[in-house]
PDB file of all heavy atoms in Angstrom:
ATOM      1  N   ARG A   1      21.226   5.950  -1.944  1.00  0.00           N
ATOM      2  CA  ARG A   1      22.481   6.029  -2.747  1.00  0.00           C
ATOM      3  C   ARG A   1      23.574   5.162  -2.257  1.00  0.00           C
ATOM      4  O   ARG A   1      24.457   4.742  -3.002  1.00  0.00           O
ATOM      5  CB  ARG A   1      22.934   7.481  -2.660  1.00  0.00           C
ATOM      6  CG  ARG A   1      22.041   8.490  -3.364  1.00  0.00           C
ATOM      7  CD  ARG A   1      22.338   9.885  -3.034  1.00  0.00           C
ATOM      8  NE  ARG A   1      23.681  10.355  -3.459  1.00  0.00           N
ATOM      9  CZ  ARG A   1      24.278  11.440  -3.108  1.00  0.00           C
ATOM     10  NH1 ARG A   1      23.640  12.320  -2.274  1.00  0.00           N
ATOM     11  NH2 ARG A   1      25.415  11.741  -3.564  1.00  0.00           N
ATOM     12  N   LEU A   2      23.543   4.717  -0.945  1.00  0.00           N
ATOM     13  CA  LEU A   2      24.579   3.942  -0.333  1.00  0.00           C
ATOM     14  C   LEU A   2      24.354   2.399  -0.449  1.00  0.00           C
ATOM     15  O   LEU A   2      25.285   1.676  -0.690  1.00  0.00           O
ATOM     16  CB  LEU A   2      24.774   4.310   1.142  1.00  0.00           C
ATOM     17  CG  LEU A   2      25.749   3.491   2.009  1.00  0.00           C
ATOM     18  CD1 LEU A   2      27.136   3.735   1.435  1.00  0.00           C
ATOM     19  CD2 LEU A   2      25.611   3.979   3.377  1.00  0.00           C
ATOM     20  N   CYS A   3      23.073   1.995  -0.336  1.00  0.00           N
ATOM     21  CA  CYS A   3      22.848   0.550  -0.089  1.00  0.00           C
ATOM     22  C   CYS A   3      22.605  -0.262  -1.366  1.00  0.00           C
ATOM     23  O   CYS A   3      22.041   0.258  -2.344  1.00  0.00           O
ATOM     24  CB  CYS A   3      21.548   0.423   0.687  1.00  0.00           C
ATOM     25  SG  CYS A   3      21.702   1.190   2.356  1.00  0.00           S
ATOM     26  N   HIS A   4      23.167  -1.444  -1.381  1.00  0.00           N
ATOM     27  CA  HIS A   4      22.938  -2.394  -2.439  1.00  0.00           C
ATOM     28  C   HIS A   4      21.506  -3.005  -2.365  1.00  0.00           C
ATOM     29  O   HIS A   4      20.857  -3.171  -3.371  1.00  0.00           O
ATOM     30  CB  HIS A   4      23.928  -3.513  -2.411  1.00  0.00           C
ATOM     31  CG  HIS A   4      25.368  -3.108  -2.538  1.00  0.00           C
ATOM     32  ND1 HIS A   4      26.315  -3.187  -1.545  1.00  0.00           N
ATOM     33  CD2 HIS A   4      25.982  -2.381  -3.567  1.00  0.00           C
ATOM     34  CE1 HIS A   4      27.425  -2.757  -2.000  1.00  0.00           C
ATOM     35  NE2 HIS A   4      27.333  -2.275  -3.228  1.00  0.00           N
ATOM     36  N   ARG A   5      21.066  -3.300  -1.111  1.00  0.00           N
ATOM     37  CA  ARG A   5      19.795  -3.803  -0.845  1.00  0.00           C
ATOM     38  C   ARG A   5      19.263  -3.131   0.325  1.00  0.00           C
ATOM     39  O   ARG A   5      19.939  -2.626   1.145  1.00  0.00           O
ATOM     40  CB  ARG A   5      19.813  -5.347  -0.699  1.00  0.00           C
ATOM     41  CG  ARG A   5      20.068  -6.142  -1.856  1.00  0.00           C
ATOM     42  CD  ARG A   5      19.965  -7.649  -1.546  1.00  0.00           C
ATOM     43  NE  ARG A   5      21.005  -8.103  -0.619  1.00  0.00           N
ATOM     44  CZ  ARG A   5      20.756  -8.595   0.578  1.00  0.00           C
ATOM     45  NH1 ARG A   5      19.487  -8.750   1.045  1.00  0.00           N
ATOM     46  NH2 ARG A   5      21.742  -8.954   1.398  1.00  0.00           N
ATOM     47  N   ILE A   6      17.890  -3.106   0.546  1.00  0.00           N
ATOM     48  CA  ILE A   6      17.266  -2.563   1.645  1.00  0.00           C
ATOM     49  C   ILE A   6      16.221  -3.534   2.231  1.00  0.00           C
ATOM     50  O   ILE A   6      15.445  -4.108   1.437  1.00  0.00           O
ATOM     51  CB  ILE A   6      16.519  -1.260   1.277  1.00  0.00           C
ATOM     52  CG1 ILE A   6      17.609  -0.189   0.766  1.00  0.00           C
ATOM     53  CG2 ILE A   6      15.789  -0.641   2.512  1.00  0.00           C
ATOM     54  CD1 ILE A   6      16.986   1.058   0.167  1.00  0.00           C
ATOM     55  N   HIS A   7      16.219  -3.733   3.522  1.00  0.00           N
ATOM     56  CA  HIS A   7      15.293  -4.613   4.197  1.00  0.00           C
ATOM     57  C   HIS A   7      14.307  -3.615   5.064  1.00  0.00           C
ATOM     58  O   HIS A   7      14.854  -2.745   5.707  1.00  0.00           O
ATOM     59  CB  HIS A   7      16.012  -5.553   5.099  1.00  0.00           C
ATOM     60  CG  HIS A   7      15.118  -6.624   5.637  1.00  0.00           C
ATOM     61  ND1 HIS A   7      15.164  -7.920   5.178  1.00  0.00           N
ATOM     62  CD2 HIS A   7      14.259  -6.643   6.741  1.00  0.00           C
ATOM     63  CE1 HIS A   7      14.238  -8.602   5.817  1.00  0.00           C
ATOM     64  NE2 HIS A   7      13.772  -7.917   6.791  1.00  0.00           N
ATOM     65  N   VAL A   8      13.066  -3.866   4.971  1.00  0.00           N
ATOM     66  CA  VAL A   8      12.095  -2.932   5.535  1.00  0.00           C
ATOM     67  C   VAL A   8      11.239  -3.701   6.674  1.00  0.00           C
ATOM     68  O   VAL A   8      10.740  -4.762   6.337  1.00  0.00           O
ATOM     69  CB  VAL A   8      11.051  -2.426   4.514  1.00  0.00           C
ATOM     70  CG1 VAL A   8      10.224  -1.292   5.113  1.00  0.00           C
ATOM     71  CG2 VAL A   8      11.795  -1.891   3.290  1.00  0.00           C
ATOM     72  N   LEU A   9      11.204  -3.058   7.831  1.00  0.00           N
ATOM     73  CA  LEU A   9      10.455  -3.559   8.937  1.00  0.00           C
ATOM     74  C   LEU A   9       9.266  -2.622   9.169  1.00  0.00           C
ATOM     75  O   LEU A   9       9.316  -1.438   8.964  1.00  0.00           O
ATOM     76  CB  LEU A   9      11.367  -3.618  10.252  1.00  0.00           C
ATOM     77  CG  LEU A   9      12.519  -4.554  10.275  1.00  0.00           C
ATOM     78  CD1 LEU A   9      13.214  -4.458  11.610  1.00  0.00           C
ATOM     79  CD2 LEU A   9      12.088  -6.003   9.898  1.00  0.00           C
ATOM     80  N   ASN A  10       8.144  -3.283   9.700  1.00  0.00           N
ATOM     81  CA  ASN A  10       7.044  -2.511  10.156  1.00  0.00           C
ATOM     82  C   ASN A  10       6.386  -3.387  11.237  1.00  0.00           C
ATOM     83  O   ASN A  10       6.048  -4.469  11.042  1.00  0.00           O
ATOM     84  CB  ASN A  10       6.016  -2.229   9.036  1.00  0.00           C
ATOM     85  CG  ASN A  10       4.957  -1.207   9.450  1.00  0.00           C
ATOM     86  OD1 ASN A  10       5.242  -0.270  10.109  1.00  0.00           O
ATOM     87  ND2 ASN A  10       3.693  -1.389   8.838  1.00  0.00           N
ATOM     88  N   TYR A  11       6.160  -2.702  12.429  1.00  0.00           N
ATOM     89  CA  TYR A  11       5.617  -3.436  13.572  1.00  0.00           C
ATOM     90  C   TYR A  11       6.290  -4.731  13.860  1.00  0.00           C
ATOM     91  O   TYR A  11       5.688  -5.727  14.247  1.00  0.00           O
ATOM     92  CB  TYR A  11       4.113  -3.652  13.398  1.00  0.00           C
ATOM     93  CG  TYR A  11       3.248  -2.424  13.301  1.00  0.00           C
ATOM     94  CD1 TYR A  11       2.648  -2.032  12.110  1.00  0.00           C
ATOM     95  CD2 TYR A  11       3.130  -1.640  14.437  1.00  0.00           C
ATOM     96  CE1 TYR A  11       1.905  -0.858  12.088  1.00  0.00           C
ATOM     97  CE2 TYR A  11       2.310  -0.425  14.425  1.00  0.00           C
ATOM     98  CZ  TYR A  11       1.713  -0.075  13.278  1.00  0.00           C
ATOM     99  OH  TYR A  11       0.944   1.085  13.229  1.00  0.00           O
ATOM    100  N   GLY A  12       7.593  -4.718  13.673  1.00  0.00           N
ATOM    101  CA  GLY A  12       8.413  -5.855  14.034  1.00  0.00           C
ATOM    102  C   GLY A  12       8.466  -6.921  12.973  1.00  0.00           C
ATOM    103  O   GLY A  12       9.174  -7.950  13.237  1.00  0.00           O
ATOM    104  N   ASN A  13       7.786  -6.759  11.835  1.00  0.00           N
ATOM    105  CA  ASN A  13       7.712  -7.754  10.804  1.00  0.00           C
ATOM    106  C   ASN A  13       8.445  -7.254   9.565  1.00  0.00           C
ATOM    107  O   ASN A  13       8.457  -6.085   9.243  1.00  0.00           O
ATOM    108  CB  ASN A  13       6.323  -8.064  10.458  1.00  0.00           C
ATOM    109  CG  ASN A  13       5.536  -8.656  11.597  1.00  0.00           C
ATOM    110  OD1 ASN A  13       5.690  -9.842  11.832  1.00  0.00           O
ATOM    111  ND2 ASN A  13       4.639  -7.861  12.202  1.00  0.00           N
ATOM    112  N   SER A  14       9.063  -8.168   8.834  1.00  0.00           N
ATOM    113  CA  SER A  14       9.693  -7.853   7.513  1.00  0.00           C
ATOM    114  C   SER A  14       8.515  -7.718   6.516  1.00  0.00           C
ATOM    115  O   SER A  14       7.646  -8.563   6.437  1.00  0.00           O
ATOM    116  CB  SER A  14      10.597  -8.908   7.040  1.00  0.00           C
ATOM    117  OG  SER A  14      11.668  -9.141   7.937  1.00  0.00           O
ATOM    118  N   ILE A  15       8.522  -6.546   5.846  1.00  0.00           N
ATOM    119  CA  ILE A  15       7.522  -6.389   4.862  1.00  0.00           C
ATOM    120  C   ILE A  15       8.082  -6.244   3.424  1.00  0.00           C
ATOM    121  O   ILE A  15       7.247  -6.384   2.434  1.00  0.00           O
ATOM    122  CB  ILE A  15       6.595  -5.115   5.023  1.00  0.00           C
ATOM    123  CG1 ILE A  15       7.463  -3.880   5.059  1.00  0.00           C
ATOM    124  CG2 ILE A  15       5.935  -5.274   6.390  1.00  0.00           C
ATOM    125  CD1 ILE A  15       6.607  -2.565   5.101  1.00  0.00           C
ATOM    126  N   ALA A  16       9.378  -6.158   3.266  1.00  0.00           N
ATOM    127  CA  ALA A  16       9.963  -6.036   1.893  1.00  0.00           C
ATOM    128  C   ALA A  16      11.447  -6.090   2.028  1.00  0.00           C
ATOM    129  O   ALA A  16      12.082  -5.798   3.043  1.00  0.00           O
ATOM    130  CB  ALA A  16       9.503  -4.842   1.191  1.00  0.00           C
ATOM    131  N   GLU A  17      12.035  -6.575   0.961  1.00  0.00           N
ATOM    132  CA  GLU A  17      13.479  -6.487   0.712  1.00  0.00           C
ATOM    133  C   GLU A  17      13.800  -6.432  -0.735  1.00  0.00           C
ATOM    134  O   GLU A  17      13.139  -7.123  -1.580  1.00  0.00           O
ATOM    135  CB  GLU A  17      14.248  -7.707   1.337  1.00  0.00           C
ATOM    136  CG  GLU A  17      15.766  -7.603   1.200  1.00  0.00           C
ATOM    137  CD  GLU A  17      16.522  -8.662   1.931  1.00  0.00           C
ATOM    138  OE1 GLU A  17      16.436  -8.730   3.126  1.00  0.00           O
ATOM    139  OE2 GLU A  17      17.197  -9.442   1.165  1.00  0.00           O
ATOM    140  N   GLY A  18      14.710  -5.527  -1.134  1.00  0.00           N
ATOM    141  CA  GLY A  18      15.001  -5.423  -2.586  1.00  0.00           C
ATOM    142  C   GLY A  18      16.023  -4.331  -2.799  1.00  0.00           C
ATOM    143  O   GLY A  18      16.595  -3.755  -1.767  1.00  0.00           O
ATOM    144  N   THR A  19      16.311  -4.037  -4.021  1.00  0.00           N
ATOM    145  CA  THR A  19      17.202  -2.934  -4.397  1.00  0.00           C
ATOM    146  C   THR A  19      16.525  -1.578  -4.057  1.00  0.00           C
ATOM    147  O   THR A  19      15.311  -1.574  -3.856  1.00  0.00           O
ATOM    148  CB  THR A  19      17.487  -2.994  -5.895  1.00  0.00           C
ATOM    149  OG1 THR A  19      16.297  -2.740  -6.594  1.00  0.00           O
ATOM    150  CG2 THR A  19      18.073  -4.364  -6.321  1.00  0.00           C
ATOM    151  N   PRO A  20      17.265  -0.560  -3.986  1.00  0.00           N
ATOM    152  CA  PRO A  20      16.655   0.767  -3.693  1.00  0.00           C
ATOM    153  C   PRO A  20      15.549   1.068  -4.725  1.00  0.00           C
ATOM    154  O   PRO A  20      14.440   1.605  -4.292  1.00  0.00           O
ATOM    155  CB  PRO A  20      17.770   1.773  -3.812  1.00  0.00           C
ATOM    156  CG  PRO A  20      19.018   0.961  -3.367  1.00  0.00           C
ATOM    157  CD  PRO A  20      18.800  -0.454  -3.892  1.00  0.00           C
ATOM    158  N   ALA A  21      15.734   0.780  -6.005  1.00  0.00           N
ATOM    159  CA  ALA A  21      14.663   1.029  -6.976  1.00  0.00           C
ATOM    160  C   ALA A  21      13.501   0.226  -6.680  1.00  0.00           C
ATOM    161  O   ALA A  21      12.285   0.719  -6.816  1.00  0.00           O
ATOM    162  CB  ALA A  21      15.277   0.662  -8.391  1.00  0.00           C
ATOM    163  N   GLU A  22      13.602  -1.091  -6.325  1.00  0.00           N
ATOM    164  CA  GLU A  22      12.494  -1.870  -6.002  1.00  0.00           C
ATOM    165  C   GLU A  22      11.682  -1.351  -4.679  1.00  0.00           C
ATOM    166  O   GLU A  22      10.478  -1.365  -4.646  1.00  0.00           O
ATOM    167  CB  GLU A  22      12.825  -3.326  -5.781  1.00  0.00           C
ATOM    168  CG  GLU A  22      13.321  -4.020  -7.093  1.00  0.00           C
ATOM    169  CD  GLU A  22      14.055  -5.273  -6.828  1.00  0.00           C
ATOM    170  OE1 GLU A  22      14.541  -5.551  -5.764  1.00  0.00           O
ATOM    171  OE2 GLU A  22      14.175  -6.105  -7.859  1.00  0.00           O
ATOM    172  N   ILE A  23      12.516  -0.880  -3.744  1.00  0.00           N
ATOM    173  CA  ILE A  23      11.879  -0.439  -2.492  1.00  0.00           C
ATOM    174  C   ILE A  23      11.109   0.796  -2.737  1.00  0.00           C
ATOM    175  O   ILE A  23      10.040   1.041  -2.160  1.00  0.00           O
ATOM    176  CB  ILE A  23      12.965  -0.280  -1.393  1.00  0.00           C
ATOM    177  CG1 ILE A  23      13.486  -1.661  -0.996  1.00  0.00           C
ATOM    178  CG2 ILE A  23      12.345   0.434  -0.208  1.00  0.00           C
ATOM    179  CD1 ILE A  23      12.506  -2.613  -0.473  1.00  0.00           C
ATOM    180  N   ARG A  24      11.651   1.702  -3.622  1.00  0.00           N
ATOM    181  CA  ARG A  24      10.973   2.967  -3.829  1.00  0.00           C
ATOM    182  C   ARG A  24       9.583   2.739  -4.480  1.00  0.00           C
ATOM    183  O   ARG A  24       8.718   3.609  -4.318  1.00  0.00           O
ATOM    184  CB  ARG A  24      11.801   3.824  -4.847  1.00  0.00           C
ATOM    185  CG  ARG A  24      12.900   4.618  -4.237  1.00  0.00           C
ATOM    186  CD  ARG A  24      13.450   5.659  -5.252  1.00  0.00           C
ATOM    187  NE  ARG A  24      14.009   5.088  -6.444  1.00  0.00           N
ATOM    188  CZ  ARG A  24      15.368   4.839  -6.620  1.00  0.00           C
ATOM    189  NH1 ARG A  24      16.246   5.089  -5.672  1.00  0.00           N
ATOM    190  NH2 ARG A  24      15.828   4.298  -7.750  1.00  0.00           N
ATOM    191  N   GLU A  25       9.373   1.632  -5.162  1.00  0.00           N
ATOM    192  CA  GLU A  25       8.187   1.415  -5.848  1.00  0.00           C
ATOM    193  C   GLU A  25       7.231   0.366  -5.212  1.00  0.00           C
ATOM    194  O   GLU A  25       6.194   0.042  -5.763  1.00  0.00           O
ATOM    195  CB  GLU A  25       8.502   0.883  -7.286  1.00  0.00           C
ATOM    196  CG  GLU A  25       9.270   1.989  -8.076  1.00  0.00           C
ATOM    197  CD  GLU A  25       9.697   1.504  -9.432  1.00  0.00           C
ATOM    198  OE1 GLU A  25       9.422   0.277  -9.714  1.00  0.00           O
ATOM    199  OE2 GLU A  25      10.272   2.259 -10.203  1.00  0.00           O
ATOM    200  N   ASN A  26       7.756  -0.121  -4.015  1.00  0.00           N
ATOM    201  CA  ASN A  26       6.989  -1.212  -3.350  1.00  0.00           C
ATOM    202  C   ASN A  26       5.723  -0.623  -2.621  1.00  0.00           C
ATOM    203  O   ASN A  26       5.868   0.201  -1.822  1.00  0.00           O
ATOM    204  CB  ASN A  26       7.882  -1.918  -2.325  1.00  0.00           C
ATOM    205  CG  ASN A  26       7.209  -3.143  -1.682  1.00  0.00           C
ATOM    206  OD1 ASN A  26       6.187  -2.978  -0.941  1.00  0.00           O
ATOM    207  ND2 ASN A  26       7.709  -4.295  -2.008  1.00  0.00           N
ATOM    208  N   PRO A  27       4.532  -1.004  -3.002  1.00  0.00           N
ATOM    209  CA  PRO A  27       3.313  -0.517  -2.413  1.00  0.00           C
ATOM    210  C   PRO A  27       3.249  -0.589  -0.926  1.00  0.00           C
ATOM    211  O   PRO A  27       2.793   0.402  -0.242  1.00  0.00           O
ATOM    212  CB  PRO A  27       2.152  -1.333  -3.108  1.00  0.00           C
ATOM    213  CG  PRO A  27       2.788  -1.826  -4.378  1.00  0.00           C
ATOM    214  CD  PRO A  27       4.160  -2.037  -4.065  1.00  0.00           C
ATOM    215  N   ALA A  28       3.649  -1.709  -0.367  1.00  0.00           N
ATOM    216  CA  ALA A  28       3.546  -1.911   1.121  1.00  0.00           C
ATOM    217  C   ALA A  28       4.550  -0.932   1.792  1.00  0.00           C
ATOM    218  O   ALA A  28       4.209  -0.392   2.880  1.00  0.00           O
ATOM    219  CB  ALA A  28       3.933  -3.392   1.465  1.00  0.00           C
ATOM    220  N   VAL A  29       5.764  -0.666   1.241  1.00  0.00           N
ATOM    221  CA  VAL A  29       6.668   0.233   1.851  1.00  0.00           C
ATOM    222  C   VAL A  29       6.172   1.622   1.759  1.00  0.00           C
ATOM    223  O   VAL A  29       6.353   2.495   2.629  1.00  0.00           O
ATOM    224  CB  VAL A  29       8.090   0.105   1.194  1.00  0.00           C
ATOM    225  CG1 VAL A  29       9.079   1.067   1.767  1.00  0.00           C
ATOM    226  CG2 VAL A  29       8.585  -1.392   1.319  1.00  0.00           C
ATOM    227  N   LEU A  30       5.646   2.051   0.554  1.00  0.00           N
ATOM    228  CA  LEU A  30       5.066   3.351   0.336  1.00  0.00           C
ATOM    229  C   LEU A  30       4.044   3.662   1.391  1.00  0.00           C
ATOM    230  O   LEU A  30       3.846   4.707   1.990  1.00  0.00           O
ATOM    231  CB  LEU A  30       4.574   3.550  -1.035  1.00  0.00           C
ATOM    232  CG  LEU A  30       5.601   3.486  -2.144  1.00  0.00           C
ATOM    233  CD1 LEU A  30       4.882   3.507  -3.526  1.00  0.00           C
ATOM    234  CD2 LEU A  30       6.562   4.699  -2.032  1.00  0.00           C
ATOM    235  N   GLU A  31       3.184   2.621   1.662  1.00  0.00           N
ATOM    236  CA  GLU A  31       2.037   2.781   2.536  1.00  0.00           C
ATOM    237  C   GLU A  31       2.530   2.862   4.017  1.00  0.00           C
ATOM    238  O   GLU A  31       2.030   3.682   4.755  1.00  0.00           O
ATOM    239  CB  GLU A  31       1.056   1.616   2.374  1.00  0.00           C
ATOM    240  CG  GLU A  31      -0.229   1.680   3.236  1.00  0.00           C
ATOM    241  CD  GLU A  31      -1.120   2.821   2.698  1.00  0.00           C
ATOM    242  OE1 GLU A  31      -1.099   3.058   1.506  1.00  0.00           O
ATOM    243  OE2 GLU A  31      -1.881   3.424   3.522  1.00  0.00           O
ATOM    244  N   ALA A  32       3.516   2.081   4.359  1.00  0.00           N
ATOM    245  CA  ALA A  32       3.924   1.981   5.778  1.00  0.00           C
ATOM    246  C   ALA A  32       4.914   3.053   6.173  1.00  0.00           C
ATOM    247  O   ALA A  32       5.012   3.512   7.311  1.00  0.00           O
ATOM    248  CB  ALA A  32       4.551   0.603   6.023  1.00  0.00           C
ATOM    249  N   TYR A  33       5.775   3.506   5.177  1.00  0.00           N
ATOM    250  CA  TYR A  33       6.879   4.323   5.592  1.00  0.00           C
ATOM    251  C   TYR A  33       7.240   5.486   4.597  1.00  0.00           C
ATOM    252  O   TYR A  33       7.215   6.616   5.072  1.00  0.00           O
ATOM    253  CB  TYR A  33       8.081   3.449   5.742  1.00  0.00           C
ATOM    254  CG  TYR A  33       9.335   4.101   6.266  1.00  0.00           C
ATOM    255  CD1 TYR A  33       9.275   4.887   7.476  1.00  0.00           C
ATOM    256  CD2 TYR A  33      10.486   4.080   5.598  1.00  0.00           C
ATOM    257  CE1 TYR A  33      10.371   5.499   7.919  1.00  0.00           C
ATOM    258  CE2 TYR A  33      11.628   4.655   6.027  1.00  0.00           C
ATOM    259  CZ  TYR A  33      11.588   5.411   7.241  1.00  0.00           C
ATOM    260  OH  TYR A  33      12.731   6.024   7.758  1.00  0.00           O
ATOM    261  N   LEU A  34       7.506   5.192   3.429  1.00  0.00           N
ATOM    262  CA  LEU A  34       8.009   6.263   2.492  1.00  0.00           C
ATOM    263  C   LEU A  34       6.956   7.310   2.146  1.00  0.00           C
ATOM    264  O   LEU A  34       7.300   8.445   1.981  1.00  0.00           O
ATOM    265  CB  LEU A  34       8.582   5.633   1.263  1.00  0.00           C
ATOM    266  CG  LEU A  34       9.913   4.742   1.472  1.00  0.00           C
ATOM    267  CD1 LEU A  34      10.356   4.267   0.106  1.00  0.00           C
ATOM    268  CD2 LEU A  34      11.006   5.506   2.217  1.00  0.00           C
ATOM    269  N   GLY A  35       5.710   6.849   2.010  1.00  0.00           N
ATOM    270  CA  GLY A  35       4.634   7.726   1.653  1.00  0.00           C
ATOM    271  C   GLY A  35       4.513   7.884   0.086  1.00  0.00           C
ATOM    272  O   GLY A  35       5.465   7.628  -0.626  1.00  0.00           O
ATOM    273  N   ARG A  36       3.383   8.229  -0.318  1.00  0.00           N
ATOM    274  CA  ARG A  36       3.110   8.364  -1.807  1.00  0.00           C
ATOM    275  C   ARG A  36       3.989   9.492  -2.340  1.00  0.00           C
ATOM    276  O   ARG A  36       4.176  10.490  -1.705  1.00  0.00           O
ATOM    277  CB  ARG A  36       1.571   8.669  -2.041  1.00  0.00           C
ATOM    278  CG  ARG A  36       0.728   7.565  -1.549  1.00  0.00           C
ATOM    279  CD  ARG A  36       0.892   6.270  -2.343  1.00  0.00           C
ATOM    280  NE  ARG A  36       0.151   5.178  -1.742  1.00  0.00           N
ATOM    281  CZ  ARG A  36       0.221   3.914  -2.236  1.00  0.00           C
ATOM    282  NH1 ARG A  36       1.028   3.637  -3.259  1.00  0.00           N
ATOM    283  NH2 ARG A  36      -0.504   2.954  -1.714  1.00  0.00           N
ATOM    284  N   GLY A  37       4.490   9.200  -3.517  1.00  0.00           N
ATOM    285  CA  GLY A  37       5.393  10.210  -4.152  1.00  0.00           C
ATOM    286  C   GLY A  37       6.830   9.998  -3.833  1.00  0.00           C
ATOM    287  O   GLY A  37       7.709  10.657  -4.509  1.00  0.00           O
ATOM    288  N   ALA A  38       7.134   9.064  -2.907  1.00  0.00           N
ATOM    289  CA  ALA A  38       8.518   8.826  -2.641  1.00  0.00           C
ATOM    290  C   ALA A  38       9.300   8.206  -3.795  1.00  0.00           C
ATOM    291  O   ALA A  38      10.535   8.447  -3.907  1.00  0.00           O
ATOM    292  CB  ALA A  38       8.572   7.955  -1.344  1.00  0.00           C
ATOM    293  N   GLU A  39       8.560   7.486  -4.632  1.00  0.00           N
ATOM    294  CA  GLU A  39       9.253   6.914  -5.821  1.00  0.00           C
ATOM    295  C   GLU A  39       9.875   7.996  -6.703  1.00  0.00           C
ATOM    296  O   GLU A  39      10.776   7.736  -7.432  1.00  0.00           O
ATOM    297  CB  GLU A  39       8.374   6.001  -6.635  1.00  0.00           C
ATOM    298  CG  GLU A  39       7.104   6.698  -7.159  1.00  0.00           C
ATOM    299  CD  GLU A  39       5.889   6.646  -6.284  1.00  0.00           C
ATOM    300  OE1 GLU A  39       6.060   6.804  -5.073  1.00  0.00           O
ATOM    301  OE2 GLU A  39       4.847   6.493  -6.818  1.00  0.00           O
ATOM    302  N   TYR A  40       9.365   9.189  -6.590  1.00  0.00           N
ATOM    303  CA  TYR A  40       9.890  10.335  -7.338  1.00  0.00           C
ATOM    304  C   TYR A  40      10.956  11.093  -6.523  1.00  0.00           C
ATOM    305  O   TYR A  40      11.900  11.565  -7.017  1.00  0.00           O
ATOM    306  CB  TYR A  40       8.770  11.287  -7.773  1.00  0.00           C
ATOM    307  CG  TYR A  40       7.719  10.554  -8.547  1.00  0.00           C
ATOM    308  CD1 TYR A  40       6.463  10.359  -7.940  1.00  0.00           C
ATOM    309  CD2 TYR A  40       7.897  10.128  -9.878  1.00  0.00           C
ATOM    310  CE1 TYR A  40       5.456   9.650  -8.678  1.00  0.00           C
ATOM    311  CE2 TYR A  40       6.920   9.454 -10.542  1.00  0.00           C
ATOM    312  CZ  TYR A  40       5.644   9.214  -9.967  1.00  0.00           C
ATOM    313  OH  TYR A  40       4.732   8.556 -10.647  1.00  0.00           O
ATOM    314  N   ALA A  41      10.667  11.149  -5.237  1.00  0.00           N
ATOM    315  CA  ALA A  41      11.551  11.959  -4.368  1.00  0.00           C
ATOM    316  C   ALA A  41      12.981  11.487  -4.192  1.00  0.00           C
ATOM    317  O   ALA A  41      13.960  12.197  -3.992  1.00  0.00           O
ATOM    318  CB  ALA A  41      10.908  12.151  -2.976  1.00  0.00           C
TER     319      ALA A  41
END
C-alpha cells in the first residue's frame, strides 16, 4: 500500500522490480518469497 515500486532480492541477487501489482503476479517472486496465492492476499 505504501510503495510506488518494489525491488526484490533473493540470495543477494535482484530477481524483480516493478509496481506492487506487478510484483504480486511475478512468478519468480511468488516462488522465492510471497508464496502461491499472494496475488490474492
